Amino acid sequence: MTTIPGLGLTASGTIPQELLDLPWHLPLEDWPEHVIAALPRGISRHIVRFAYLGGSVIAVKETSERAARHEYRMLRQLGKLGAPCVKPVAEVTGRTTPEGEELSPALVTRHLRFSLPYRAVFNQMMRKETLLRLIHAQALLMVELHLIGFYWGDVSLSNTLFRRDAGAFAAYLVDAETGEIHPKLSTGQREYDLDVAQVNIAGELMDLMEGGMVDEDVDPIATSHQFIDAYRGLWQELTGDTAFNPDQQWLIEERIRRLNELGFDVEEYDIRTMREDSKLLLRPKVVDPGHHQRRLMNLTGLDVQENQARRLLGAIDAYRAQSDPHGDEAVAAHMWTQEVFQPLISRIPKELRNKLEPAEIMHQLIDHRWRLSEREHRDISLEQSLPSFIDEELKGLRDEATLMIDPPGDVIDQLNRGEG
């Protein structure tokens, strides 16, 4: 370790020795290869590098002292609020070279396993359908952040990471430099975020099209409008009013069921009388994302993405229907975990386990089993489907546990195009 007089680290909990041992006396772009994890990076206005920290990977971003301190605090607050975002590790200030030259402060965050910048979702060409799934994940992320009072200020695909989620994507905030947390956002703050998002997303898609990375029939402007429509639809469903007559109590249950299907729990709701007639208005007051995640966690202890949880809960229901239709749900979930999920995942070769998250492997295996049964016109079990799934699908995927530690050169070139 090179001792740097005046070096300051702010971190929650114990500061690991490996963090102190990083070459903070060197500009980030000059860090030696043995500490750098060769991961593809998204577009950034700052210098960003991935580095090894013990058995994990961190992202280090050079920025101003004010920005590093602000973003570190924002990410900590967002984490406490349960927002989908990267976890801050430390802010580093007082960096100087051995000759006494000042270096930029840095923000250190934990790398989000199995996450991808939007340019890395596909190696070469992003299909229109996949792009729309990304857009909807981005819209849901923005709704979740706005619900807890977070004003982003710089909404873009570049400031987001995506994880596969049972045929869809889950989005995570990765850059909170311009963000602010308020007790509640005004309509003007939300609309400004929407305006910024629309411009940035359209520009990012135009850039992708110029690089030949998106289907030719994609319209960047129309797609950015679809983002706005998706956001407004979700916001209305989560916060809008439902009018009903006093004898239509079932509409309350229907509204809550729709919110559950979207992945939200309703913690509280308001009911008030309309002035002009005798109808009542129902408005969700406190909505909490992660409905299926929490249910699966309570039943099995598995911590997965929302859509993955929905898919695995469906698998548990099917298992229960076959084994003991009238039995206890918790018992069936435990037996499914012990007799189906864990044995199948354990049969995945070790060298292939970083391809996808275990829950995503199970989701894709269920899909593979269905296609195989259709093709052979007979019912094929998950156990029988596993060998062909491994050979035909899993082996052809790239490792996503750490964004590919040693990614193909063409992916690096695509992801670093325009970085600065």
Protein backbone atom coordinates (compact mmCIF):
# COMPACT_ATOMS: atom_id res chain seq x y z
CA MET A 1 0.00 0.00 0.00
CA THR A 2 1.21 3.53 -0.86
CA THR A 3 0.49 5.90 2.02
CA ILE A 4 -1.30 9.04 0.85
CA PRO A 5 -1.23 11.92 3.34
CA GLY A 6 -4.65 13.52 3.70
CA LEU A 7 -6.57 10.64 2.10
CA GLY A 8 -10.12 10.46 3.42
CA LEU A 9 -12.62 7.61 3.13
CA THR A 10 -16.22 7.82 4.24
CA ALA A 11 -17.95 4.46 4.44
CA SER A 12 -20.67 2.74 6.40
CA GLY A 13 -19.40 -0.04 8.63
CA THR A 14 -15.84 -1.33 8.66
CA ILE A 15 -13.57 -0.17 5.85
CA PRO A 16 -11.99 -3.30 4.32
CA GLN A 17 -8.20 -3.32 4.06
CA GLU A 18 -8.49 -4.15 0.34
CA LEU A 19 -10.19 -0.79 -0.20
CA LEU A 20 -7.32 1.04 1.48
CA ASP A 21 -4.82 -0.94 -0.60
CA LEU A 22 -6.17 0.30 -3.94
CA PRO A 23 -3.83 2.71 -5.79
CA TRP A 24 -5.60 5.93 -4.87
CA HIS A 25 -2.36 7.84 -5.59
CA LEU A 26 -2.82 7.16 -9.31
CA PRO A 27 -5.38 8.66 -11.71
CA LEU A 28 -8.12 6.10 -12.31
CA GLU A 29 -7.23 5.72 -15.98
CA ASP A 30 -3.68 4.69 -14.93
CA TRP A 31 -4.64 1.97 -12.46
CA PRO A 32 -2.67 -1.24 -13.09
CA GLU A 33 -4.31 -4.19 -14.81
CA HIS A 34 -4.01 -6.51 -11.82
CA VAL A 35 -6.62 -4.51 -9.86
CA ILE A 36 -8.91 -3.77 -12.81
CA ALA A 37 -11.83 -6.06 -13.70
CA ALA A 38 -12.18 -5.98 -17.48
CA LEU A 39 -15.93 -5.38 -17.55
CA PRO A 40 -17.83 -3.53 -20.29
CA ARG A 41 -18.88 -0.07 -19.19
CA GLY A 42 -21.85 2.00 -20.16
CA ILE A 43 -21.55 5.52 -21.51
CA SER A 44 -20.50 7.99 -18.81
CA ARG A 45 -19.34 11.58 -18.62
CA HIS A 46 -16.92 10.50 -15.90
CA ILE A 47 -14.01 8.08 -15.87
CA VAL A 48 -15.35 4.81 -14.46
CA ARG A 49 -13.44 1.61 -13.81
CA PHE A 50 -14.33 -1.74 -12.25
CA ALA A 51 -11.89 -3.11 -9.68
CA TYR A 52 -11.54 -6.23 -7.59
CA LEU A 53 -12.24 -5.86 -3.88
CA GLY A 54 -11.60 -9.12 -2.09
CA GLY A 55 -13.98 -11.63 -3.64
CA SER A 56 -16.27 -9.01 -5.16
CA VAL A 57 -16.19 -6.29 -7.79
CA ILE A 58 -16.67 -2.56 -7.24
CA ALA A 59 -17.23 0.39 -9.57
CA VAL A 60 -15.04 3.45 -9.04
CA LYS A 61 -16.05 6.80 -10.53
CA GLU A 62 -13.91 9.93 -10.48
CA THR A 63 -15.96 13.05 -9.89
CA SER A 64 -15.97 16.24 -7.83
CA GLU A 65 -15.89 16.18 -4.04
CA ARG A 66 -19.34 17.72 -3.79
CA ALA A 67 -20.80 15.28 -6.30
CA ALA A 68 -19.19 12.24 -4.64
CA ARG A 69 -20.49 13.24 -1.21
CA HIS A 70 -23.98 14.00 -2.52
CA GLU A 71 -24.31 10.80 -4.53
CA TYR A 72 -22.96 8.65 -1.70
CA ARG A 73 -25.60 10.08 0.65
CA MET A 74 -28.36 9.78 -1.95
CA LEU A 75 -27.60 6.11 -2.59
CA ARG A 76 -27.49 5.38 1.14
CA GLN A 77 -30.88 7.03 1.67
CA LEU A 78 -32.37 5.25 -1.34
CA GLY A 79 -31.09 1.94 -0.01
CA LYS A 80 -32.76 2.56 3.34
CA LEU A 81 -36.01 3.32 1.50
CA GLY A 82 -35.76 0.01 -0.37
CA ALA A 83 -35.28 1.60 -3.78
CA PRO A 84 -33.79 -0.49 -6.63
CA CYS A 85 -30.29 0.99 -6.88
CA VAL A 86 -26.62 0.13 -6.58
CA LYS A 87 -25.15 0.06 -3.08
CA PRO A 88 -22.56 2.71 -2.10
CA VAL A 89 -19.32 1.51 -0.58
CA ALA A 90 -17.38 4.72 0.09
CA GLU A 91 -16.53 8.22 -1.01
CA VAL A 92 -12.81 8.90 -1.32
CA THR A 93 -11.34 12.39 -0.97
CA GLY A 94 -7.92 13.95 -0.44
CA ARG A 95 -6.30 11.95 -3.25
CA THR A 96 -2.87 13.15 -4.36
CA THR A 97 0.01 11.77 -6.39
CA PRO A 98 3.36 11.08 -4.70
CA GLU A 99 4.47 14.45 -6.15
CA GLY A 100 1.60 16.21 -4.38
CA GLU A 101 -0.65 16.76 -7.42
CA GLU A 102 -4.34 16.72 -6.51
CA LEU A 103 -6.49 13.97 -7.99
CA SER A 104 -10.27 13.85 -8.38
CA PRO A 105 -12.31 12.42 -5.51
CA ALA A 106 -14.05 9.12 -6.21
CA LEU A 107 -17.31 7.38 -5.48
CA VAL A 108 -17.17 3.62 -4.90
CA THR A 109 -20.25 1.45 -5.40
CA ARG A 110 -20.83 -2.30 -5.22
CA HIS A 111 -21.14 -3.99 -8.61
CA LEU A 112 -24.66 -5.40 -9.04
CA ARG A 113 -24.30 -9.08 -9.90
CA PHE A 114 -26.03 -10.30 -13.06
CA SER A 115 -26.71 -6.71 -14.15
CA LEU A 116 -26.12 -5.28 -17.60
CA PRO A 117 -25.88 -1.79 -19.08
CA TYR A 118 -28.52 -1.45 -21.76
CA ARG A 119 -25.94 -1.73 -24.56
CA ALA A 120 -24.83 -5.12 -23.27
CA VAL A 121 -28.25 -6.76 -23.27
CA PHE A 122 -27.38 -8.20 -26.67
CA ASN A 123 -23.99 -8.65 -28.27
CA GLN A 124 -24.93 -7.37 -31.68
CA MET A 125 -28.59 -6.58 -32.39
CA MET A 126 -31.34 -5.54 -29.99
CA ARG A 127 -34.77 -6.67 -31.15
CA LYS A 128 -37.71 -4.30 -30.93
CA GLU A 129 -39.54 -6.54 -28.45
CA THR A 130 -36.53 -6.60 -26.12
CA LEU A 131 -36.16 -2.86 -26.35
CA LEU A 132 -39.78 -2.38 -25.31
CA ARG A 133 -39.21 -4.62 -22.28
CA LEU A 134 -36.27 -2.40 -21.32
CA ILE A 135 -38.42 0.70 -21.74
CA HIS A 136 -41.17 -0.71 -19.52
CA ALA A 137 -38.61 -1.68 -16.85
CA GLN A 138 -37.24 1.87 -16.97
CA ALA A 139 -40.76 3.29 -16.59
CA LEU A 140 -41.47 1.06 -13.59
CA LEU A 141 -38.18 2.10 -11.96
CA MET A 142 -39.04 5.76 -12.40
CA VAL A 143 -42.51 5.24 -10.91
CA GLU A 144 -41.03 3.45 -7.90
CA LEU A 145 -38.51 6.24 -7.35
CA HIS A 146 -41.14 8.96 -7.70
CA LEU A 147 -43.42 7.19 -5.22
CA ILE A 148 -40.76 7.48 -2.50
CA GLY A 149 -40.10 11.13 -3.35
CA PHE A 150 -36.92 10.79 -5.40
CA TYR A 151 -36.42 13.38 -8.13
CA TRP A 152 -33.85 11.92 -10.54
CA GLY A 153 -32.93 14.93 -12.68
CA ASP A 154 -31.01 12.90 -15.27
CA VAL A 155 -33.21 9.97 -16.32
CA SER A 156 -31.63 7.86 -19.04
CA LEU A 157 -30.94 4.28 -20.03
CA SER A 158 -27.23 5.01 -19.50
CA ASN A 159 -27.86 5.74 -15.81
CA THR A 160 -29.64 2.42 -15.33
CA LEU A 161 -28.60 -1.22 -15.00
CA PHE A 162 -30.86 -4.09 -16.03
CA ARG A 163 -31.20 -7.65 -14.72
CA ARG A 164 -33.09 -10.38 -16.52
CA ASP A 165 -36.40 -11.10 -14.85
CA ALA A 166 -38.32 -14.10 -16.25
CA GLY A 167 -38.66 -12.80 -19.79
CA ALA A 168 -38.74 -9.17 -18.69
CA PHE A 169 -36.15 -6.91 -17.04
CA ALA A 170 -35.72 -5.34 -13.63
CA ALA A 171 -34.16 -1.87 -13.67
CA TYR A 172 -31.80 -0.36 -11.07
CA LEU A 173 -30.63 3.22 -10.66
CA VAL A 174 -26.87 3.46 -11.02
CA ASP A 175 -26.28 7.24 -11.04
CA ALA A 176 -27.86 9.50 -8.41
CA GLU A 177 -25.54 12.48 -8.86
CA THR A 178 -28.36 14.88 -9.79
CA GLY A 179 -30.98 13.30 -7.55
CA GLU A 180 -32.90 14.77 -4.64
CA ILE A 181 -35.19 13.16 -2.05
CA HIS A 182 -38.33 15.03 -1.00
CA PRO A 183 -41.27 14.10 1.24
CA LYS A 184 -43.40 14.13 -1.90
CA LEU A 185 -42.75 15.15 -5.49
CA SER A 186 -44.77 17.89 -7.13
CA THR A 187 -46.38 17.34 -10.50
CA GLY A 188 -43.84 19.76 -11.95
CA GLN A 189 -40.89 17.72 -10.65
CA ARG A 190 -42.32 14.52 -12.07
CA GLU A 191 -43.09 16.15 -15.41
CA TYR A 192 -39.56 17.55 -15.64
CA ASP A 193 -38.14 14.08 -15.07
CA LEU A 194 -40.42 12.81 -17.84
CA ASP A 195 -39.25 15.53 -20.23
CA VAL A 196 -35.60 14.71 -19.53
CA ALA A 197 -36.26 10.99 -19.93
CA GLN A 198 -38.03 11.45 -23.25
CA VAL A 199 -35.17 13.47 -24.74
CA ASN A 200 -32.41 11.24 -23.36
CA ILE A 201 -34.02 7.94 -24.33
CA ALA A 202 -34.73 9.14 -27.87
CA GLY A 203 -31.10 10.30 -28.20
CA GLU A 204 -29.73 7.03 -26.85
CA LEU A 205 -31.84 5.02 -29.28
CA MET A 206 -30.71 7.18 -32.20
CA ASP A 207 -27.13 6.45 -31.17
CA LEU A 208 -27.87 2.72 -31.06
CA MET A 209 -29.43 2.87 -34.52
CA GLU A 210 -26.38 4.62 -35.95
CA GLY A 211 -24.25 1.80 -34.56
CA GLY A 212 -26.52 -0.84 -36.10
CA MET A 213 -27.47 -2.22 -32.68
CA VAL A 214 -31.27 -1.93 -32.97
CA ASP A 215 -33.85 -3.25 -35.44
CA GLU A 216 -34.32 -0.87 -38.36
CA ASP A 217 -38.06 -0.62 -37.74
CA VAL A 218 -37.53 0.96 -34.30
CA ASP A 219 -38.67 4.59 -34.15
CA PRO A 220 -36.64 6.35 -31.39
CA ILE A 221 -39.17 9.16 -30.96
CA ALA A 222 -42.17 6.81 -30.86
CA THR A 223 -40.34 4.52 -28.43
CA SER A 224 -39.60 7.42 -26.08
CA HIS A 225 -43.32 8.26 -26.22
CA GLN A 226 -44.08 4.66 -25.28
CA PHE A 227 -41.92 5.16 -22.20
CA ILE A 228 -44.03 8.17 -21.24
CA ASP A 229 -47.25 6.22 -21.85
CA ALA A 230 -46.00 3.29 -19.75
CA TYR A 231 -45.07 5.63 -16.91
CA ARG A 232 -48.39 7.48 -16.97
CA GLY A 233 -50.37 4.24 -17.08
CA LEU A 234 -48.50 2.84 -14.07
CA TRP A 235 -48.74 6.10 -12.13
CA GLN A 236 -52.49 6.33 -12.70
CA GLU A 237 -53.03 2.72 -11.66
CA LEU A 238 -50.96 3.18 -8.51
CA THR A 239 -52.19 6.60 -7.42
CA GLY A 240 -55.43 7.38 -9.28
CA ASP A 241 -58.99 7.30 -8.00
CA THR A 242 -61.60 4.58 -8.47
CA ALA A 243 -65.23 5.73 -8.21
CA PHE A 244 -67.80 3.23 -6.90
CA ASN A 245 -71.20 3.06 -5.28
CA PRO A 246 -71.51 2.04 -1.62
CA ASP A 247 -72.90 -1.34 -2.72
CA GLN A 248 -69.88 -2.01 -5.01
CA GLN A 249 -67.39 -3.03 -2.35
CA TRP A 250 -66.02 -5.67 -4.71
CA LEU A 251 -64.39 -2.86 -6.72
CA ILE A 252 -62.00 -2.30 -3.81
CA GLU A 253 -60.84 -5.92 -3.98
CA GLU A 254 -60.57 -5.71 -7.77
CA ARG A 255 -58.38 -2.60 -7.59
CA ILE A 256 -56.09 -4.19 -5.01
CA ARG A 257 -55.88 -7.38 -7.10
CA ARG A 258 -54.80 -5.37 -10.16
CA LEU A 259 -52.11 -3.68 -8.11
CA ASN A 260 -50.94 -7.07 -6.80
CA GLU A 261 -50.71 -8.32 -10.38
CA LEU A 262 -48.49 -5.33 -11.17
CA GLY A 263 -46.26 -6.39 -8.27
CA PHE A 264 -47.43 -3.91 -5.62
CA ASP A 265 -48.98 -4.29 -2.19
CA VAL A 266 -51.45 -1.69 -0.91
CA GLU A 267 -50.46 -0.78 2.64
CA GLU A 268 -53.13 1.91 3.06
CA TYR A 269 -55.90 3.49 1.01
CA ASP A 270 -58.28 6.44 1.38
CA ILE A 271 -62.02 6.33 0.74
CA ARG A 272 -63.92 9.60 0.55
CA THR A 273 -67.33 10.79 -0.63
CA MET A 274 -67.73 12.74 -3.87
CA ARG A 275 -69.50 16.07 -3.40
CA GLU A 276 -71.67 15.97 -6.52
CA ASP A 277 -73.26 12.56 -5.91
CA SER A 278 -73.32 9.68 -3.49
CA LYS A 279 -70.39 7.81 -5.03
CA LEU A 280 -67.21 7.01 -3.14
CA LEU A 281 -63.63 7.50 -4.32
CA LEU A 282 -60.93 4.94 -3.57
CA ARG A 283 -57.30 6.07 -3.79
CA PRO A 284 -54.28 3.93 -2.82
CA LYS A 285 -52.35 5.84 -0.17
CA VAL A 286 -49.26 3.70 0.43
CA VAL A 287 -48.17 1.20 -2.24
CA ASP A 288 -45.14 -1.00 -1.80
CA PRO A 289 -43.41 -2.82 -4.70
CA GLY A 290 -42.34 -6.44 -4.43
CA HIS A 291 -45.63 -8.24 -3.79
CA HIS A 292 -44.56 -11.55 -5.35
CA GLN A 293 -40.98 -11.22 -4.09
CA ARG A 294 -42.16 -10.99 -0.50
CA ARG A 295 -44.61 -13.85 -0.91
CA LEU A 296 -41.96 -16.16 -2.37
CA MET A 297 -39.43 -15.10 0.26
CA ASN A 298 -41.89 -15.92 3.04
CA LEU A 299 -42.68 -19.31 1.51
CA THR A 300 -39.22 -20.47 0.41
CA GLY A 301 -36.54 -18.02 1.57
CA LEU A 302 -35.58 -17.38 -2.07
CA ASP A 303 -34.67 -13.74 -2.85
CA VAL A 304 -35.36 -13.14 -6.54
CA GLN A 305 -36.71 -10.51 -8.95
CA GLU A 306 -40.45 -9.74 -9.06
CA ASN A 307 -41.30 -11.53 -12.32
CA GLN A 308 -39.08 -14.45 -11.41
CA ALA A 309 -40.99 -14.72 -8.13
CA ARG A 310 -44.28 -14.67 -10.03
CA ARG A 311 -43.05 -17.51 -12.28
CA LEU A 312 -41.73 -19.63 -9.41
CA LEU A 313 -44.95 -19.15 -7.46
CA GLY A 314 -46.78 -20.51 -10.50
CA ALA A 315 -44.44 -23.51 -10.52
CA ILE A 316 -45.14 -24.09 -6.84
CA ASP A 317 -48.90 -23.92 -7.46
CA ALA A 318 -48.57 -26.52 -10.24
CA TYR A 319 -46.45 -28.75 -7.98
CA ARG A 320 -49.02 -28.45 -5.19
CA ALA A 321 -51.89 -29.28 -7.56
CA GLN A 322 -50.15 -32.49 -8.60
CA SER A 323 -48.79 -33.63 -5.24
CA ASP A 324 -51.36 -32.49 -2.65
CA PRO A 325 -54.08 -30.12 -3.95
CA HIS A 326 -55.61 -29.61 -0.51
CA GLY A 327 -52.35 -29.45 1.40
CA ASP A 328 -50.81 -26.43 3.12
CA GLU A 329 -49.24 -23.92 0.72
CA ALA A 330 -46.18 -23.34 2.91
CA VAL A 331 -45.49 -27.07 3.11
CA ALA A 332 -45.84 -27.44 -0.67
CA ALA A 333 -43.48 -24.50 -1.23
CA HIS A 334 -40.89 -26.04 1.09
CA MET A 335 -41.16 -29.42 -0.62
CA TRP A 336 -40.88 -27.83 -4.09
CA THR A 337 -37.74 -25.97 -3.03
CA GLN A 338 -36.18 -29.13 -1.56
CA GLU A 339 -37.31 -31.63 -4.21
CA VAL A 340 -37.39 -29.58 -7.43
CA PHE A 341 -35.59 -26.24 -7.35
CA GLN A 342 -32.44 -27.05 -5.40
CA PRO A 343 -31.75 -30.46 -7.01
CA LEU A 344 -32.13 -29.05 -10.53
CA ILE A 345 -29.91 -26.04 -9.86
CA SER A 346 -27.29 -28.28 -8.23
CA ARG A 347 -27.12 -30.31 -11.47
CA ILE A 348 -26.01 -27.25 -13.44
CA PRO A 349 -22.26 -27.65 -14.13
CA LYS A 350 -20.20 -25.28 -11.97
CA GLU A 351 -18.64 -23.62 -14.99
CA LEU A 352 -22.11 -22.63 -16.23
CA ARG A 353 -23.59 -21.25 -13.01
CA ASN A 354 -22.52 -17.67 -13.73
CA LYS A 355 -24.53 -17.62 -16.95
CA LEU A 356 -27.76 -16.57 -15.22
CA GLU A 357 -29.23 -16.21 -11.76
CA PRO A 358 -30.63 -19.52 -10.42
CA ALA A 359 -34.21 -18.20 -10.57
CA GLU A 360 -33.69 -17.10 -14.17
CA ILE A 361 -32.25 -20.54 -15.01
CA MET A 362 -35.39 -22.14 -13.56
CA HIS A 363 -37.63 -19.78 -15.55
CA GLN A 364 -35.84 -20.53 -18.80
CA LEU A 365 -35.78 -24.26 -18.03
CA ILE A 366 -39.58 -24.22 -17.57
CA ASP A 367 -39.92 -22.49 -20.96
CA HIS A 368 -37.53 -24.98 -22.55
CA ARG A 369 -39.51 -27.89 -21.11
CA TRP A 370 -42.73 -26.49 -22.60
CA ARG A 371 -41.15 -26.07 -26.06
CA LEU A 372 -39.66 -29.57 -25.87
CA SER A 373 -43.01 -31.09 -24.92
CA GLU A 374 -44.70 -29.26 -27.79
CA ARG A 375 -42.05 -30.45 -30.22
CA GLU A 376 -42.25 -34.09 -29.15
CA HIS A 377 -46.03 -34.11 -28.53
CA ARG A 378 -45.68 -35.59 -25.05
CA ASP A 379 -45.27 -34.41 -21.48
CA ILE A 380 -41.58 -34.10 -20.56
CA SER A 381 -40.46 -33.49 -16.99
CA LEU A 382 -38.06 -30.78 -15.89
CA GLU A 383 -35.48 -33.44 -15.04
CA GLN A 384 -35.72 -34.89 -18.55
CA SER A 385 -35.49 -31.41 -20.08
CA LEU A 386 -32.39 -30.34 -18.17
CA PRO A 387 -29.67 -32.00 -20.34
CA SER A 388 -30.98 -30.51 -23.60
CA PHE A 389 -31.51 -27.13 -21.90
CA ILE A 390 -27.88 -27.11 -20.83
CA ASP A 391 -26.58 -28.15 -24.24
CA GLU A 392 -28.93 -26.20 -26.48
CA GLU A 393 -29.42 -22.99 -24.51
CA LEU A 394 -27.36 -22.46 -21.37
CA LYS A 395 -23.95 -23.21 -22.90
CA GLY A 396 -24.55 -20.62 -25.60
CA LEU A 397 -25.19 -17.79 -23.15
CA ARG A 398 -22.50 -15.47 -21.85
CA ASP A 399 -21.65 -15.19 -18.16
CA GLU A 400 -23.69 -12.40 -16.57
CA ALA A 401 -22.74 -12.79 -12.91
CA THR A 402 -20.22 -9.96 -13.23
CA LEU A 403 -21.04 -8.47 -16.62
CA MET A 404 -18.57 -10.93 -18.13
CA ILE A 405 -15.15 -10.76 -16.48
CA ASP A 406 -13.52 -11.50 -19.84
CA PRO A 407 -16.06 -10.27 -22.41
CA PRO A 408 -15.67 -10.70 -26.17
CA GLY A 409 -13.81 -7.89 -27.87
CA ASP A 410 -16.77 -6.89 -30.03
CA VAL A 411 -18.89 -6.32 -26.92
CA ILE A 412 -16.17 -4.17 -25.36
CA ASP A 413 -15.94 -2.13 -28.57
CA GLN A 414 -19.71 -1.61 -28.71
CA LEU A 415 -20.02 -0.65 -25.06
CA ASN A 416 -17.06 1.73 -25.01
CA ARG A 417 -18.05 3.48 -28.23
CA GLY A 418 -18.54 7.12 -27.40
CA GLU A 419 -17.41 6.85 -23.78
CA GLY A 420 -16.06 9.97 -22.23
